[in-house]
Amino acid sequence: MNCPYNNINMKMKIDCYIATSCSSEERLRININEAIKLESVDADLNFYKIDEAEAKKLNLMGSPSVLINGEDILPGEIPGIS
């Protein structure tokens, strides 16, 4: 399945929010960079270290949380990081 963004002139914005205690950061960086390369996507990729208070303020539902063009790819129901 091809990414819909690689067929049009649109830059994808990827924001990754990671709890300071999250052990998934290294694997997340590898996976996202591999996906961007594989799909030949033009992306603005950002990583942010956040705490519980900031996660709740941003309505994030876990760590890591990945937003593509402002949409959480795995939305949940209770704000915070776990």
Protein backbone atom coordinates (compact mmCIF):
# COMPACT_ATOMS: atom_id res chain seq x y z
CA MET A 1 0.00 0.00 0.00
CA ASN A 2 1.44 3.35 -0.98
CA CYS A 3 1.22 6.46 1.11
CA PRO A 4 -1.23 8.98 -0.41
CA TYR A 5 1.21 11.85 0.21
CA ASN A 6 3.88 10.58 -2.19
CA ASN A 7 1.70 11.27 -5.25
CA ILE A 8 1.02 14.96 -4.62
CA ASN A 9 3.05 18.04 -3.76
CA MET A 10 2.25 18.07 -0.05
CA LYS A 11 4.76 18.05 2.76
CA MET A 12 3.74 15.78 5.60
CA LYS A 13 4.20 17.08 9.14
CA ILE A 14 5.07 14.37 11.65
CA ASP A 15 5.24 15.29 15.34
CA CYS A 16 6.36 12.62 17.82
CA TYR A 17 5.76 13.21 21.53
CA ILE A 18 7.73 11.01 23.89
CA ALA A 19 7.54 10.78 27.68
CA THR A 20 10.82 11.37 29.44
CA SER A 21 10.56 7.82 30.82
CA CYS A 22 9.56 6.15 27.51
CA SER A 23 11.88 3.40 26.29
CA SER A 24 10.48 3.39 22.73
CA GLU A 25 12.20 6.50 21.39
CA GLU A 26 15.09 4.81 19.57
CA ARG A 27 12.84 2.24 17.83
CA LEU A 28 10.30 4.96 16.94
CA ARG A 29 13.00 7.10 15.29
CA ILE A 30 14.23 4.12 13.26
CA ASN A 31 10.73 3.03 12.19
CA ILE A 32 9.56 6.49 11.15
CA ASN A 33 12.72 7.28 9.22
CA GLU A 34 12.53 3.90 7.43
CA ALA A 35 8.86 4.52 6.52
CA ILE A 36 9.62 8.02 5.19
CA LYS A 37 12.45 6.64 3.06
CA LEU A 38 10.47 3.62 1.84
CA GLU A 39 7.48 5.74 0.80
CA SER A 40 9.61 8.63 -0.54
CA VAL A 41 7.57 11.08 1.53
CA ASP A 42 8.55 14.72 1.91
CA ALA A 43 8.18 15.14 5.66
CA ASP A 44 8.93 17.65 8.38
CA LEU A 45 9.79 15.31 11.29
CA ASN A 46 9.94 16.55 14.89
CA PHE A 47 10.53 14.77 18.20
CA TYR A 48 9.51 16.28 21.55
CA LYS A 49 10.28 15.05 25.08
CA ILE A 50 7.32 15.84 27.34
CA ASP A 51 6.11 15.19 30.86
CA GLU A 52 2.70 14.03 32.11
CA ALA A 53 1.34 17.56 32.56
CA GLU A 54 2.24 18.59 29.02
CA ALA A 55 0.79 15.34 27.60
CA LYS A 56 -2.54 16.07 29.31
CA LYS A 57 -2.47 19.69 28.11
CA LEU A 58 -1.96 18.46 24.53
CA ASN A 59 -4.62 15.71 24.96
CA LEU A 60 -2.10 13.01 24.08
CA MET A 61 -3.11 9.47 25.00
CA GLY A 62 0.18 7.62 25.39
CA SER A 63 3.88 7.56 24.76
CA PRO A 64 5.00 7.70 22.16
CA SER A 65 2.23 9.70 20.49
CA VAL A 66 2.60 10.34 16.78
CA LEU A 67 0.63 13.04 15.00
CA ILE A 68 0.57 13.27 11.21
CA ASN A 69 -0.62 16.64 9.98
CA GLY A 70 -2.08 17.25 13.44
CA GLU A 71 -4.01 13.96 13.69
CA ASP A 72 -3.06 11.35 16.30
CA ILE A 73 -2.50 8.05 14.47
CA LEU A 74 -3.64 6.06 17.54
CA PRO A 75 -6.14 8.21 19.43
CA GLY A 76 -7.24 7.03 22.86
CA GLU A 77 -9.78 8.07 25.44
CA ILE A 78 -7.92 9.30 28.53
CA PRO A 79 -5.31 12.09 28.17
CA GLY A 80 -1.90 11.48 29.69
CA ILE A 81 1.09 9.27 29.10
CA SER A 82 1.59 5.72 30.23
